C-alpha atoms as a PDB file:
ATOM      1  CA  UNK A   1      22.960  15.732  -6.310  1.00  0.00           C
ATOM      2  CA  UNK A   2      20.996  13.855  -8.984  1.00  0.00           C
ATOM      3  CA  UNK A   3      19.656  10.347  -8.782  1.00  0.00           C
ATOM      4  CA  UNK A   4      18.911   7.879 -11.625  1.00  0.00           C
ATOM      5  CA  UNK A   5      21.448   5.783 -13.436  1.00  0.00           C
ATOM      6  CA  UNK A   6      24.410   7.728 -14.705  1.00  0.00           C
ATOM      7  CA  UNK A   7      23.399  10.810 -12.720  1.00  0.00           C
ATOM      8  CA  UNK A   8      25.812  13.057 -10.914  1.00  0.00           C
ATOM      9  CA  UNK A   9      25.166  11.632  -7.462  1.00  0.00           C
ATOM     10  CA  UNK A  10      28.385  11.668  -5.469  1.00  0.00           C
ATOM     11  CA  UNK A  11      29.819   8.589  -3.793  1.00  0.00           C
ATOM     12  CA  UNK A  12      30.001   9.020  -0.044  1.00  0.00           C
ATOM     13  CA  UNK A  13      32.196   7.063   2.341  1.00  0.00           C
ATOM     14  CA  UNK A  14      30.246   5.671   5.283  1.00  0.00           C
ATOM     15  CA  UNK A  15      31.036   3.664   8.398  1.00  0.00           C
ATOM     16  CA  UNK A  16      30.151   0.026   8.976  1.00  0.00           C
ATOM     17  CA  UNK A  17      27.455   1.163  11.445  1.00  0.00           C
ATOM     18  CA  UNK A  18      25.905   3.520   8.886  1.00  0.00           C
ATOM     19  CA  UNK A  19      25.953   0.765   6.251  1.00  0.00           C
ATOM     20  CA  UNK A  20      24.269  -1.611   8.685  1.00  0.00           C
ATOM     21  CA  UNK A  21      21.568   0.961   9.442  1.00  0.00           C
ATOM     22  CA  UNK A  22      20.995   1.592   5.728  1.00  0.00           C
ATOM     23  CA  UNK A  23      20.730  -2.127   4.943  1.00  0.00           C
ATOM     24  CA  UNK A  24      18.306  -2.558   7.863  1.00  0.00           C
ATOM     25  CA  UNK A  25      16.089   0.355   6.809  1.00  0.00           C
ATOM     26  CA  UNK A  26      13.953  -1.481   4.254  1.00  0.00           C
ATOM     27  CA  UNK A  27      10.235  -0.736   4.464  1.00  0.00           C
ATOM     28  CA  UNK A  28       7.720  -3.492   5.156  1.00  0.00           C
ATOM     29  CA  UNK A  29       7.077  -4.033   1.430  1.00  0.00           C
ATOM     30  CA  UNK A  30      10.780  -4.875   1.038  1.00  0.00           C
ATOM     31  CA  UNK A  31      11.445  -2.312  -1.633  1.00  0.00           C
ATOM     32  CA  UNK A  32      12.803   0.952  -0.286  1.00  0.00           C
ATOM     33  CA  UNK A  33      16.006   1.547   1.651  1.00  0.00           C
ATOM     34  CA  UNK A  34      16.978   4.953   3.017  1.00  0.00           C
ATOM     35  CA  UNK A  35      18.830   7.222   2.628  1.00  0.00           C
ATOM     36  CA  UNK A  36      19.124   7.329  -1.140  1.00  0.00           C
ATOM     37  CA  UNK A  37      22.638   7.679  -2.487  1.00  0.00           C
ATOM     38  CA  UNK A  38      25.777   5.880  -3.555  1.00  0.00           C
ATOM     39  CA  UNK A  39      27.985   4.777  -0.673  1.00  0.00           C
ATOM     40  CA  UNK A  40      31.135   2.824   0.020  1.00  0.00           C
ATOM     41  CA  UNK A  41      33.024   1.567   3.033  1.00  0.00           C
ATOM     42  CA  UNK A  42      36.329  -0.141   3.633  1.00  0.00           C
ATOM     43  CA  UNK A  43      36.283  -3.630   5.131  1.00  0.00           C
ATOM     44  CA  UNK A  44      39.862  -4.686   5.736  1.00  0.00           C
ATOM     45  CA  UNK A  45      41.542  -4.725   2.318  1.00  0.00           C
ATOM     46  CA  UNK A  46      38.240  -4.741   0.395  1.00  0.00           C
ATOM     47  CA  UNK A  47      35.728  -2.043  -0.478  1.00  0.00           C
ATOM     48  CA  UNK A  48      31.975  -2.491  -0.321  1.00  0.00           C
ATOM     49  CA  UNK A  49      29.872  -0.414  -2.709  1.00  0.00           C
ATOM     50  CA  UNK A  50      26.204   0.237  -1.961  1.00  0.00           C
ATOM     51  CA  UNK A  51      24.222   1.736  -4.825  1.00  0.00           C
ATOM     52  CA  UNK A  52      21.050   2.946  -3.189  1.00  0.00           C
ATOM     53  CA  UNK A  53      20.321   5.624  -5.782  1.00  0.00           C
ATOM     54  CA  UNK A  54      16.949   3.964  -6.534  1.00  0.00           C
ATOM     55  CA  UNK A  55      16.193   2.622  -3.040  1.00  0.00           C
ATOM     56  CA  UNK A  56      17.173  -0.974  -3.920  1.00  0.00           C
ATOM     57  CA  UNK A  57      20.538  -1.052  -2.067  1.00  0.00           C
ATOM     58  CA  UNK A  58      22.547  -3.018  -4.644  1.00  0.00           C
ATOM     59  CA  UNK A  59      25.705  -4.151  -2.857  1.00  0.00           C
ATOM     60  CA  UNK A  60      29.004  -5.419  -4.287  1.00  0.00           C
ATOM     61  CA  UNK A  61      32.530  -6.080  -2.992  1.00  0.00           C
ATOM     62  CA  UNK A  62      35.695  -4.826  -4.737  1.00  0.00           C
ATOM     63  CA  UNK A  63      39.457  -5.288  -4.307  1.00  0.00           C
ATOM     64  CA  UNK A  64      40.144  -1.557  -4.622  1.00  0.00           C
ATOM     65  CA  UNK A  65      38.468   1.825  -4.303  1.00  0.00           C
ATOM     66  CA  UNK A  66      38.891   2.749  -7.972  1.00  0.00           C
ATOM     67  CA  UNK A  67      36.788  -0.218  -9.177  1.00  0.00           C
ATOM     68  CA  UNK A  68      34.223   0.395  -6.450  1.00  0.00           C
ATOM     69  CA  UNK A  69      33.732   4.043  -7.413  1.00  0.00           C
ATOM     70  CA  UNK A  70      33.605   3.170 -11.131  1.00  0.00           C
ATOM     71  CA  UNK A  71      30.819   0.650 -10.418  1.00  0.00           C
ATOM     72  CA  UNK A  72      28.914   3.133  -8.259  1.00  0.00           C
ATOM     73  CA  UNK A  73      29.074   5.681 -11.085  1.00  0.00           C
ATOM     74  CA  UNK A  74      27.918   3.115 -13.657  1.00  0.00           C
ATOM     75  CA  UNK A  75      31.283   3.090 -15.434  1.00  0.00           C
ATOM     76  CA  UNK A  76      32.192  -0.521 -14.575  1.00  0.00           C
ATOM     77  CA  UNK A  77      30.084  -3.606 -15.215  1.00  0.00           C
ATOM     78  CA  UNK A  78      30.504  -6.675 -13.073  1.00  0.00           C
ATOM     79  CA  UNK A  79      31.785  -9.878 -14.687  1.00  0.00           C
ATOM     80  CA  UNK A  80      29.074 -12.480 -15.325  1.00  0.00           C
END
């Protein structure tokens, strides 16, 4: 598993509880979330992507899994 943008890090499905723990794991400086990785979870009919490949936990919501995975892999930009 590689990190960095465009790396080969896999996208892992996680539970709501795991996502909550990840998003609550920020250090006191407010910069590093753990564990590192690219994650997604299903919330009803939507998918939540969490790109924590750099420890910043960028989070976005998507209408389908395909768009979510594309964003996590850096293949899909978000509309402005």
